[in-house]
Amino acid sequence: MAPIPTPPAEPDDSPDTYVGQDADRAERLARERGWSTVRSLPPGAIITMEYRVGRLNFEVKDGRVARAWKG
């Protein structure tokens, strides 16, 4: 039987710190802080709800992060 994979730990970082920031700057900062994937989405975007360890999602409105969440 194959071993159960252990996902890498997520960065010790709060998504709330990105809200209100310029979207490009927020994405660069998130990658510097260790997020493996950063996804920018327009308000109301239809997305799948699978949880991905290491992914940070941004809802971007008028070039600024309006909302941020893990997964």
N, C-alpha and C. Protein backbone atom coordinates (compact mmCIF):
# COMPACT_ATOMS: atom_id res chain seq x y z
N MET A 1 0.84 -1.17 0.00
CA MET A 1 0.00 0.00 0.00
C MET A 1 0.89 1.25 0.00
N ALA A 2 0.54 2.20 -0.80
CA ALA A 2 1.31 3.45 -0.90
C ALA A 2 1.09 4.31 0.35
N PRO A 3 2.11 5.05 0.75
CA PRO A 3 1.94 5.93 1.92
C PRO A 3 0.97 7.07 1.62
N ILE A 4 0.32 7.54 2.64
CA ILE A 4 -0.60 8.67 2.49
C ILE A 4 0.24 9.93 2.36
N PRO A 5 0.05 10.70 1.27
CA PRO A 5 0.87 11.89 1.08
C PRO A 5 0.55 12.95 2.14
N THR A 6 1.57 13.65 2.54
CA THR A 6 1.42 14.74 3.50
C THR A 6 1.60 16.05 2.76
N PRO A 7 0.54 16.87 2.69
CA PRO A 7 0.68 18.14 1.97
C PRO A 7 1.63 19.08 2.71
N PRO A 8 2.32 19.94 1.96
CA PRO A 8 3.21 20.90 2.61
C PRO A 8 2.40 21.87 3.47
N ALA A 9 3.04 22.42 4.47
CA ALA A 9 2.37 23.38 5.35
C ALA A 9 2.10 24.68 4.59
N GLU A 10 0.98 25.29 4.92
CA GLU A 10 0.67 26.59 4.32
C GLU A 10 1.50 27.67 5.01
N PRO A 11 1.74 28.77 4.32
CA PRO A 11 2.45 29.87 4.95
C PRO A 11 1.68 30.38 6.17
N ASP A 12 2.40 30.83 7.17
CA ASP A 12 1.79 31.42 8.36
C ASP A 12 1.47 32.87 8.01
N ASP A 13 0.35 33.06 7.34
CA ASP A 13 0.00 34.35 6.75
C ASP A 13 -1.52 34.48 6.73
N SER A 14 -2.04 35.63 7.08
CA SER A 14 -3.48 35.84 7.08
C SER A 14 -3.95 36.46 5.77
N PRO A 15 -4.93 35.86 5.11
CA PRO A 15 -5.46 36.45 3.89
C PRO A 15 -5.98 37.88 4.08
N ASP A 16 -6.44 38.19 5.28
CA ASP A 16 -6.99 39.53 5.54
C ASP A 16 -5.97 40.64 5.31
N THR A 17 -4.68 40.34 5.40
CA THR A 17 -3.66 41.37 5.24
C THR A 17 -3.57 41.88 3.80
N TYR A 18 -4.17 41.17 2.86
CA TYR A 18 -4.09 41.57 1.45
C TYR A 18 -5.26 42.45 1.01
N VAL A 19 -6.34 42.44 1.77
CA VAL A 19 -7.53 43.20 1.40
C VAL A 19 -7.20 44.70 1.37
N GLY A 20 -7.58 45.33 0.25
CA GLY A 20 -7.34 46.77 0.06
C GLY A 20 -6.06 47.08 -0.69
N GLN A 21 -5.19 46.09 -0.86
CA GLN A 21 -3.93 46.32 -1.55
C GLN A 21 -4.11 46.27 -3.07
N ASP A 22 -3.18 46.91 -3.77
CA ASP A 22 -3.10 46.81 -5.22
C ASP A 22 -2.93 45.32 -5.57
N ALA A 23 -3.68 44.82 -6.52
CA ALA A 23 -3.70 43.39 -6.84
C ALA A 23 -2.33 42.86 -7.25
N ASP A 24 -1.58 43.59 -8.09
CA ASP A 24 -0.27 43.11 -8.53
C ASP A 24 0.71 43.05 -7.36
N ARG A 25 0.70 44.07 -6.53
CA ARG A 25 1.59 44.09 -5.36
C ARG A 25 1.21 42.96 -4.40
N ALA A 26 -0.07 42.75 -4.18
CA ALA A 26 -0.53 41.69 -3.28
C ALA A 26 -0.10 40.32 -3.78
N GLU A 27 -0.18 40.10 -5.09
CA GLU A 27 0.23 38.81 -5.64
C GLU A 27 1.73 38.59 -5.46
N ARG A 28 2.54 39.60 -5.73
CA ARG A 28 3.99 39.47 -5.52
C ARG A 28 4.31 39.17 -4.06
N LEU A 29 3.67 39.89 -3.16
CA LEU A 29 3.89 39.71 -1.73
C LEU A 29 3.48 38.30 -1.28
N ALA A 30 2.35 37.82 -1.78
CA ALA A 30 1.88 36.48 -1.42
C ALA A 30 2.87 35.42 -1.86
N ARG A 31 3.41 35.56 -3.05
CA ARG A 31 4.40 34.58 -3.54
C ARG A 31 5.68 34.65 -2.72
N GLU A 32 6.09 35.86 -2.34
CA GLU A 32 7.28 36.02 -1.49
C GLU A 32 7.07 35.36 -0.13
N ARG A 33 5.84 35.38 0.35
CA ARG A 33 5.53 34.81 1.66
C ARG A 33 5.32 33.30 1.62
N GLY A 34 5.40 32.71 0.42
CA GLY A 34 5.38 31.25 0.32
C GLY A 34 4.14 30.61 -0.26
N TRP A 35 3.17 31.39 -0.73
CA TRP A 35 2.00 30.78 -1.36
C TRP A 35 2.42 30.22 -2.71
N SER A 36 2.13 28.95 -2.96
CA SER A 36 2.55 28.31 -4.20
C SER A 36 1.68 28.73 -5.38
N THR A 37 0.43 29.04 -5.12
CA THR A 37 -0.50 29.47 -6.17
C THR A 37 -1.27 30.67 -5.67
N VAL A 38 -1.36 31.69 -6.51
CA VAL A 38 -2.16 32.87 -6.20
C VAL A 38 -3.12 33.05 -7.37
N ARG A 39 -4.41 33.08 -7.06
CA ARG A 39 -5.43 33.16 -8.11
C ARG A 39 -6.22 34.45 -7.94
N SER A 40 -6.22 35.29 -8.98
CA SER A 40 -6.99 36.54 -8.97
C SER A 40 -8.26 36.34 -9.78
N LEU A 41 -9.38 36.72 -9.18
CA LEU A 41 -10.69 36.49 -9.80
C LEU A 41 -11.51 37.78 -9.80
N PRO A 42 -12.33 37.97 -10.82
CA PRO A 42 -13.23 39.12 -10.80
C PRO A 42 -14.40 38.85 -9.85
N PRO A 43 -15.06 39.90 -9.37
CA PRO A 43 -16.22 39.70 -8.49
C PRO A 43 -17.28 38.82 -9.16
N GLY A 44 -17.81 37.88 -8.40
CA GLY A 44 -18.88 37.01 -8.91
C GLY A 44 -18.42 35.90 -9.83
N ALA A 45 -17.11 35.68 -9.94
CA ALA A 45 -16.61 34.62 -10.81
C ALA A 45 -17.13 33.26 -10.35
N ILE A 46 -17.43 32.41 -11.29
CA ILE A 46 -17.86 31.05 -10.98
C ILE A 46 -16.61 30.19 -10.94
N ILE A 47 -16.36 29.58 -9.78
CA ILE A 47 -15.16 28.77 -9.61
C ILE A 47 -15.52 27.44 -8.96
N THR A 48 -14.62 26.48 -9.13
CA THR A 48 -14.80 25.21 -8.42
C THR A 48 -14.41 25.44 -6.97
N MET A 49 -14.95 24.65 -6.08
CA MET A 49 -14.72 24.87 -4.66
C MET A 49 -13.77 23.85 -4.04
N GLU A 50 -12.95 23.18 -4.87
CA GLU A 50 -11.99 22.25 -4.28
C GLU A 50 -10.96 23.04 -3.48
N TYR A 51 -10.53 22.46 -2.39
CA TYR A 51 -9.55 23.12 -1.53
C TYR A 51 -8.16 22.69 -1.94
N ARG A 52 -7.30 23.64 -2.20
CA ARG A 52 -5.91 23.35 -2.55
C ARG A 52 -4.99 23.96 -1.51
N VAL A 53 -4.22 23.13 -0.86
CA VAL A 53 -3.26 23.61 0.13
C VAL A 53 -2.24 24.49 -0.60
N GLY A 54 -1.94 25.63 -0.03
CA GLY A 54 -0.93 26.51 -0.61
C GLY A 54 -1.46 27.50 -1.62
N ARG A 55 -2.79 27.50 -1.84
CA ARG A 55 -3.37 28.45 -2.80
C ARG A 55 -4.04 29.59 -2.06
N LEU A 56 -3.83 30.81 -2.55
CA LEU A 56 -4.47 31.99 -2.02
C LEU A 56 -5.30 32.60 -3.15
N ASN A 57 -6.55 32.88 -2.85
CA ASN A 57 -7.48 33.44 -3.83
C ASN A 57 -7.73 34.91 -3.53
N PHE A 58 -7.75 35.72 -4.58
CA PHE A 58 -8.08 37.13 -4.46
C PHE A 58 -9.29 37.43 -5.32
N GLU A 59 -10.25 38.13 -4.76
CA GLU A 59 -11.32 38.73 -5.57
C GLU A 59 -10.86 40.16 -5.82
N VAL A 60 -10.68 40.50 -7.09
CA VAL A 60 -10.11 41.80 -7.46
C VAL A 60 -11.17 42.68 -8.10
N LYS A 61 -11.34 43.87 -7.55
CA LYS A 61 -12.28 44.84 -8.08
C LYS A 61 -11.55 46.17 -8.24
N ASP A 62 -11.59 46.72 -9.45
CA ASP A 62 -10.93 47.99 -9.77
C ASP A 62 -9.45 47.98 -9.40
N GLY A 63 -8.79 46.84 -9.64
CA GLY A 63 -7.36 46.73 -9.42
C GLY A 63 -6.93 46.51 -7.98
N ARG A 64 -7.89 46.37 -7.06
CA ARG A 64 -7.58 46.18 -5.65
C ARG A 64 -8.21 44.88 -5.14
N VAL A 65 -7.55 44.29 -4.16
CA VAL A 65 -8.06 43.05 -3.56
C VAL A 65 -9.24 43.43 -2.67
N ALA A 66 -10.42 42.91 -3.02
CA ALA A 66 -11.63 43.19 -2.26
C ALA A 66 -11.88 42.10 -1.21
N ARG A 67 -11.36 40.90 -1.49
CA ARG A 67 -11.56 39.76 -0.61
C ARG A 67 -10.43 38.77 -0.85
N ALA A 68 -10.00 38.06 0.18
CA ALA A 68 -8.95 37.06 0.03
C ALA A 68 -9.27 35.87 0.92
N TRP A 69 -8.97 34.66 0.41
CA TRP A 69 -9.23 33.44 1.19
C TRP A 69 -8.31 32.33 0.74
N LYS A 70 -8.08 31.38 1.64
CA LYS A 70 -7.23 30.24 1.37
C LYS A 70 -7.97 29.19 0.56
N GLY A 71 -7.20 28.40 -0.15
CA GLY A 71 -7.76 27.23 -0.80
C GLY A 71 -7.92 27.34 -2.25
